[in-house]
Amino acid sequence: MKAASPKSVGLGGDGDEIVAIGDVEDAFGITLDYGDAGKWRTAGDVYATLCKALPPAEADQPGTWERFRTALALESGVDPKEIDPDSPLLASSGPWGYWLLAALAAAAMLAGAVLR
């Protein structure tokens, strides 16, 4: 019997992923390394980048995953309890969506640098 696929984070690749990443950054008071954005396919991928940006003591806290998935799901409205590390970020998969995710993350980083 085939295991059920993990529930998607529900992002559409239409800019809502930028808001979702911003929600994560705001929840933790950090800026993620957008150099990793081209590799972000799942919630766990983004979480790994988050953990690198956090002080080790905070990254190792038991509630960090819960805070992360709650912030990540704000934009999509998906129940955060249904998000696991293997949950795809985008509601529909396809290489164009992940290319767009990386491009938009780079644009957000550039915009953030200009606005500072």
N, C-alpha and C. Protein backbone atom coordinates (compact mmCIF):
# COMPACT_ATOMS: atom_id res chain seq x y z
N MET A 1 0.83 -1.17 0.00
CA MET A 1 0.00 0.00 0.00
C MET A 1 0.88 1.24 0.00
N LYS A 2 0.60 2.17 -0.88
CA LYS A 2 1.39 3.37 -1.02
C LYS A 2 1.02 4.37 0.08
N ALA A 3 2.06 4.98 0.69
CA ALA A 3 1.83 5.98 1.73
C ALA A 3 1.26 7.24 1.12
N ALA A 4 0.43 7.92 1.85
CA ALA A 4 -0.15 9.17 1.38
C ALA A 4 0.93 10.23 1.25
N SER A 5 0.80 11.06 0.22
CA SER A 5 1.74 12.16 0.04
C SER A 5 1.50 13.21 1.11
N PRO A 6 2.56 13.89 1.53
CA PRO A 6 2.37 14.93 2.54
C PRO A 6 1.55 16.09 1.97
N LYS A 7 0.80 16.75 2.83
CA LYS A 7 -0.02 17.88 2.42
C LYS A 7 0.89 19.03 2.03
N SER A 8 0.53 19.69 0.94
CA SER A 8 1.28 20.84 0.46
C SER A 8 1.09 22.02 1.40
N VAL A 9 2.09 22.90 1.44
CA VAL A 9 1.98 24.15 2.17
C VAL A 9 0.92 25.03 1.51
N GLY A 10 0.66 24.80 0.22
CA GLY A 10 -0.42 25.48 -0.47
C GLY A 10 -0.05 26.78 -1.16
N LEU A 11 1.22 27.03 -1.33
CA LEU A 11 1.63 28.25 -2.02
C LEU A 11 1.43 28.07 -3.51
N GLY A 12 1.16 29.16 -4.21
CA GLY A 12 0.80 29.06 -5.62
C GLY A 12 1.89 29.43 -6.60
N GLY A 13 3.03 29.93 -6.15
CA GLY A 13 4.06 30.35 -7.09
C GLY A 13 3.71 31.67 -7.75
N ASP A 14 2.76 32.41 -7.16
CA ASP A 14 2.31 33.67 -7.75
C ASP A 14 2.67 34.86 -6.88
N GLY A 15 3.68 34.71 -6.05
CA GLY A 15 4.11 35.77 -5.17
C GLY A 15 3.75 35.52 -3.72
N ASP A 16 2.80 34.62 -3.49
CA ASP A 16 2.42 34.34 -2.09
C ASP A 16 3.55 33.69 -1.32
N GLU A 17 4.48 33.06 -2.02
CA GLU A 17 5.62 32.45 -1.33
C GLU A 17 6.52 33.52 -0.73
N ILE A 18 6.60 34.69 -1.36
CA ILE A 18 7.41 35.78 -0.81
C ILE A 18 6.79 36.24 0.52
N VAL A 19 5.47 36.36 0.53
CA VAL A 19 4.78 36.75 1.76
C VAL A 19 4.99 35.69 2.83
N ALA A 20 4.90 34.41 2.46
CA ALA A 20 5.07 33.32 3.43
C ALA A 20 6.47 33.32 4.02
N ILE A 21 7.48 33.53 3.19
CA ILE A 21 8.86 33.58 3.69
C ILE A 21 9.02 34.81 4.60
N GLY A 22 8.40 35.92 4.21
CA GLY A 22 8.43 37.12 5.06
C GLY A 22 7.76 36.87 6.41
N ASP A 23 6.67 36.10 6.40
CA ASP A 23 6.00 35.75 7.66
C ASP A 23 6.93 34.95 8.57
N VAL A 24 7.69 34.04 7.98
CA VAL A 24 8.65 33.25 8.77
C VAL A 24 9.73 34.17 9.33
N GLU A 25 10.26 35.04 8.49
CA GLU A 25 11.31 35.96 8.94
C GLU A 25 10.79 36.85 10.08
N ASP A 26 9.58 37.37 9.92
CA ASP A 26 8.99 38.22 10.96
C ASP A 26 8.77 37.45 12.27
N ALA A 27 8.32 36.21 12.16
CA ALA A 27 8.04 35.41 13.36
C ALA A 27 9.31 35.16 14.18
N PHE A 28 10.45 35.10 13.50
CA PHE A 28 11.69 34.80 14.19
C PHE A 28 12.64 35.99 14.29
N GLY A 29 12.29 37.11 13.66
CA GLY A 29 13.14 38.30 13.72
C GLY A 29 14.47 38.13 13.03
N ILE A 30 14.47 37.37 11.92
CA ILE A 30 15.72 37.11 11.19
C ILE A 30 15.48 37.34 9.69
N THR A 31 16.55 37.28 8.92
CA THR A 31 16.47 37.28 7.46
C THR A 31 17.08 35.97 7.00
N LEU A 32 16.35 35.24 6.18
CA LEU A 32 16.86 33.97 5.67
C LEU A 32 17.90 34.20 4.59
N ASP A 33 18.76 33.23 4.39
CA ASP A 33 19.75 33.26 3.33
C ASP A 33 19.06 32.87 2.03
N TYR A 34 18.79 33.85 1.17
CA TYR A 34 18.09 33.58 -0.08
C TYR A 34 18.97 32.83 -1.08
N GLY A 35 20.23 32.69 -0.78
CA GLY A 35 21.10 31.89 -1.63
C GLY A 35 20.66 30.44 -1.67
N ASP A 36 19.92 30.02 -0.64
CA ASP A 36 19.41 28.65 -0.57
C ASP A 36 18.07 28.50 -1.29
N ALA A 37 17.43 29.61 -1.68
CA ALA A 37 16.05 29.57 -2.20
C ALA A 37 15.88 28.67 -3.42
N GLY A 38 16.87 28.57 -4.26
CA GLY A 38 16.76 27.72 -5.43
C GLY A 38 16.64 26.24 -5.09
N LYS A 39 16.96 25.88 -3.86
CA LYS A 39 16.89 24.49 -3.41
C LYS A 39 15.65 24.22 -2.57
N TRP A 40 14.86 25.25 -2.29
CA TRP A 40 13.68 25.07 -1.46
C TRP A 40 12.58 24.39 -2.24
N ARG A 41 12.26 23.17 -1.87
CA ARG A 41 11.17 22.41 -2.48
C ARG A 41 10.10 22.06 -1.45
N THR A 42 10.57 21.88 -0.20
CA THR A 42 9.68 21.43 0.87
C THR A 42 9.78 22.37 2.07
N ALA A 43 8.84 22.21 2.97
CA ALA A 43 8.88 22.97 4.22
C ALA A 43 10.18 22.69 4.97
N GLY A 44 10.63 21.45 4.92
CA GLY A 44 11.88 21.07 5.59
C GLY A 44 13.09 21.79 5.02
N ASP A 45 13.08 22.06 3.72
CA ASP A 45 14.19 22.79 3.10
C ASP A 45 14.28 24.21 3.67
N VAL A 46 13.13 24.87 3.77
CA VAL A 46 13.11 26.23 4.31
C VAL A 46 13.48 26.20 5.80
N TYR A 47 12.98 25.20 6.49
CA TYR A 47 13.27 25.06 7.92
C TYR A 47 14.78 24.90 8.15
N ALA A 48 15.44 24.14 7.31
CA ALA A 48 16.89 23.97 7.45
C ALA A 48 17.61 25.31 7.30
N THR A 49 17.15 26.14 6.36
CA THR A 49 17.73 27.46 6.19
C THR A 49 17.45 28.33 7.41
N LEU A 50 16.23 28.22 7.95
CA LEU A 50 15.89 28.96 9.16
C LEU A 50 16.82 28.56 10.31
N CYS A 51 17.01 27.28 10.49
CA CYS A 51 17.85 26.80 11.60
C CYS A 51 19.28 27.31 11.49
N LYS A 52 19.77 27.48 10.26
CA LYS A 52 21.12 28.03 10.07
C LYS A 52 21.16 29.51 10.47
N ALA A 53 20.03 30.22 10.32
CA ALA A 53 19.98 31.65 10.63
C ALA A 53 19.76 31.93 12.11
N LEU A 54 19.26 30.95 12.84
CA LEU A 54 18.96 31.13 14.26
C LEU A 54 20.17 30.82 15.13
N PRO A 55 20.24 31.43 16.31
CA PRO A 55 21.26 30.99 17.26
C PRO A 55 21.01 29.52 17.60
N PRO A 56 22.07 28.73 17.77
CA PRO A 56 21.88 27.29 18.02
C PRO A 56 20.90 26.97 19.15
N ALA A 57 20.92 27.73 20.21
CA ALA A 57 20.02 27.45 21.33
C ALA A 57 18.56 27.60 20.91
N GLU A 58 18.27 28.56 20.04
CA GLU A 58 16.89 28.74 19.58
C GLU A 58 16.51 27.69 18.55
N ALA A 59 17.43 27.35 17.66
CA ALA A 59 17.16 26.35 16.62
C ALA A 59 16.85 24.99 17.24
N ASP A 60 17.45 24.70 18.40
CA ASP A 60 17.27 23.40 19.04
C ASP A 60 16.04 23.32 19.95
N GLN A 61 15.32 24.41 20.11
CA GLN A 61 14.15 24.41 20.98
C GLN A 61 13.05 23.54 20.40
N PRO A 62 12.34 22.78 21.23
CA PRO A 62 11.28 21.90 20.73
C PRO A 62 10.15 22.64 20.01
N GLY A 63 9.87 23.87 20.37
CA GLY A 63 8.77 24.60 19.75
C GLY A 63 9.12 25.32 18.47
N THR A 64 10.38 25.25 18.03
CA THR A 64 10.80 25.99 16.85
C THR A 64 10.08 25.51 15.60
N TRP A 65 9.93 24.20 15.42
CA TRP A 65 9.21 23.68 14.25
C TRP A 65 7.76 24.15 14.25
N GLU A 66 7.12 24.14 15.42
CA GLU A 66 5.72 24.57 15.51
C GLU A 66 5.58 26.04 15.12
N ARG A 67 6.46 26.88 15.65
CA ARG A 67 6.44 28.32 15.30
C ARG A 67 6.66 28.50 13.81
N PHE A 68 7.60 27.74 13.26
CA PHE A 68 7.92 27.85 11.84
C PHE A 68 6.72 27.48 10.97
N ARG A 69 6.14 26.31 11.21
CA ARG A 69 5.06 25.89 10.31
C ARG A 69 3.81 26.75 10.47
N THR A 70 3.61 27.30 11.66
CA THR A 70 2.49 28.23 11.86
C THR A 70 2.71 29.50 11.03
N ALA A 71 3.91 30.05 11.07
CA ALA A 71 4.22 31.25 10.29
C ALA A 71 4.15 30.96 8.79
N LEU A 72 4.69 29.83 8.38
CA LEU A 72 4.72 29.47 6.96
C LEU A 72 3.32 29.32 6.38
N ALA A 73 2.37 28.88 7.18
CA ALA A 73 1.01 28.62 6.71
C ALA A 73 0.09 29.84 6.77
N LEU A 74 0.54 30.94 7.35
CA LEU A 74 -0.33 32.11 7.48
C LEU A 74 -0.90 32.56 6.14
N GLU A 75 -0.06 32.62 5.12
CA GLU A 75 -0.49 33.13 3.81
C GLU A 75 -1.44 32.18 3.09
N SER A 76 -1.17 30.89 3.17
CA SER A 76 -1.97 29.93 2.41
C SER A 76 -3.24 29.50 3.13
N GLY A 77 -3.25 29.62 4.45
CA GLY A 77 -4.41 29.19 5.21
C GLY A 77 -4.48 27.69 5.45
N VAL A 78 -3.46 26.96 5.05
CA VAL A 78 -3.39 25.52 5.30
C VAL A 78 -3.24 25.32 6.81
N ASP A 79 -3.85 24.28 7.34
CA ASP A 79 -3.71 23.96 8.76
C ASP A 79 -2.25 23.63 9.04
N PRO A 80 -1.57 24.42 9.88
CA PRO A 80 -0.15 24.17 10.13
C PRO A 80 0.14 22.77 10.66
N LYS A 81 -0.82 22.18 11.36
CA LYS A 81 -0.61 20.83 11.90
C LYS A 81 -0.47 19.79 10.80
N GLU A 82 -0.91 20.12 9.60
CA GLU A 82 -0.81 19.18 8.48
C GLU A 82 0.49 19.32 7.70
N ILE A 83 1.30 20.31 8.07
CA ILE A 83 2.58 20.52 7.38
C ILE A 83 3.66 19.73 8.10
N ASP A 84 4.39 18.92 7.32
CA ASP A 84 5.53 18.20 7.87
C ASP A 84 6.76 18.56 7.04
N PRO A 85 7.93 18.12 7.43
CA PRO A 85 9.14 18.50 6.69
C PRO A 85 9.12 18.12 5.21
N ASP A 86 8.38 17.09 4.83
CA ASP A 86 8.32 16.68 3.43
C ASP A 86 7.21 17.37 2.64
N SER A 87 6.45 18.26 3.27
CA SER A 87 5.37 18.95 2.58
C SER A 87 5.92 19.85 1.49
N PRO A 88 5.46 19.67 0.24
CA PRO A 88 5.91 20.55 -0.84
C PRO A 88 5.44 21.98 -0.57
N LEU A 89 6.26 22.95 -0.94
CA LEU A 89 5.87 24.35 -0.75
C LEU A 89 4.73 24.75 -1.66
N LEU A 90 4.81 24.31 -2.91
CA LEU A 90 3.82 24.73 -3.90
C LEU A 90 2.68 23.74 -4.00
N ALA A 91 1.48 24.27 -4.22
CA ALA A 91 0.29 23.44 -4.32
C ALA A 91 0.36 22.53 -5.54
N SER A 92 0.90 23.01 -6.63
CA SER A 92 1.07 22.17 -7.81
C SER A 92 2.55 22.15 -8.15
N SER A 93 3.05 20.97 -8.38
CA SER A 93 4.48 20.86 -8.64
C SER A 93 4.78 21.12 -10.10
N GLY A 94 5.97 21.49 -10.35
CA GLY A 94 6.44 21.74 -11.70
C GLY A 94 7.71 22.57 -11.60
N PRO A 95 8.64 22.36 -12.48
CA PRO A 95 9.92 23.08 -12.38
C PRO A 95 9.76 24.58 -12.51
N TRP A 96 8.77 25.05 -13.25
CA TRP A 96 8.57 26.50 -13.39
C TRP A 96 8.25 27.13 -12.05
N GLY A 97 7.51 26.45 -11.23
CA GLY A 97 7.13 27.01 -9.92
C GLY A 97 8.33 27.21 -9.03
N TYR A 98 9.26 26.27 -9.04
CA TYR A 98 10.43 26.40 -8.20
C TYR A 98 11.40 27.43 -8.75
N TRP A 99 11.47 27.54 -10.07
CA TRP A 99 12.27 28.60 -10.66
C TRP A 99 11.71 29.95 -10.24
N LEU A 100 10.38 30.09 -10.30
CA LEU A 100 9.73 31.33 -9.90
C LEU A 100 9.99 31.62 -8.42
N LEU A 101 9.91 30.61 -7.59
CA LEU A 101 10.17 30.78 -6.16
C LEU A 101 11.57 31.35 -5.94
N ALA A 102 12.56 30.80 -6.61
CA ALA A 102 13.93 31.28 -6.47
C ALA A 102 14.07 32.70 -7.00
N ALA A 103 13.46 32.98 -8.14
CA ALA A 103 13.54 34.32 -8.73
C ALA A 103 12.87 35.36 -7.83
N LEU A 104 11.72 35.02 -7.29
CA LEU A 104 11.03 35.96 -6.42
C LEU A 104 11.77 36.16 -5.10
N ALA A 105 12.38 35.11 -4.59
CA ALA A 105 13.17 35.26 -3.37
C ALA A 105 14.36 36.20 -3.62
N ALA A 106 14.98 36.04 -4.78
CA ALA A 106 16.10 36.94 -5.13
C ALA A 106 15.60 38.37 -5.27
N ALA A 107 14.45 38.56 -5.86
CA ALA A 107 13.88 39.91 -6.00
C ALA A 107 13.57 40.50 -4.64
N ALA A 108 13.05 39.70 -3.73
CA ALA A 108 12.74 40.18 -2.39
C ALA A 108 14.02 40.58 -1.65
N MET A 109 15.07 39.80 -1.83
CA MET A 109 16.34 40.13 -1.20
C MET A 109 16.87 41.45 -1.74
N LEU A 110 16.80 41.64 -3.05
CA LEU A 110 17.27 42.87 -3.67
C LEU A 110 16.42 44.05 -3.19
N ALA A 111 15.11 43.89 -3.14
CA ALA A 111 14.24 44.95 -2.67
C ALA A 111 14.54 45.31 -1.22
N GLY A 112 14.79 44.29 -0.39
CA GLY A 112 15.12 44.54 1.01
C GLY A 112 16.42 45.32 1.14
N ALA A 113 17.41 45.02 0.30
CA ALA A 113 18.68 45.71 0.35
C ALA A 113 18.51 47.17 -0.08
N VAL A 114 17.69 47.42 -1.07
CA VAL A 114 17.46 48.78 -1.57
C VAL A 114 16.72 49.62 -0.55
N LEU A 115 15.76 49.01 0.16
CA LEU A 115 14.93 49.74 1.12
C LEU A 115 15.64 50.04 2.43
N ARG A 116 16.75 49.39 2.70
CA ARG A 116 17.46 49.60 3.97
C ARG A 116 18.26 50.82 3.94
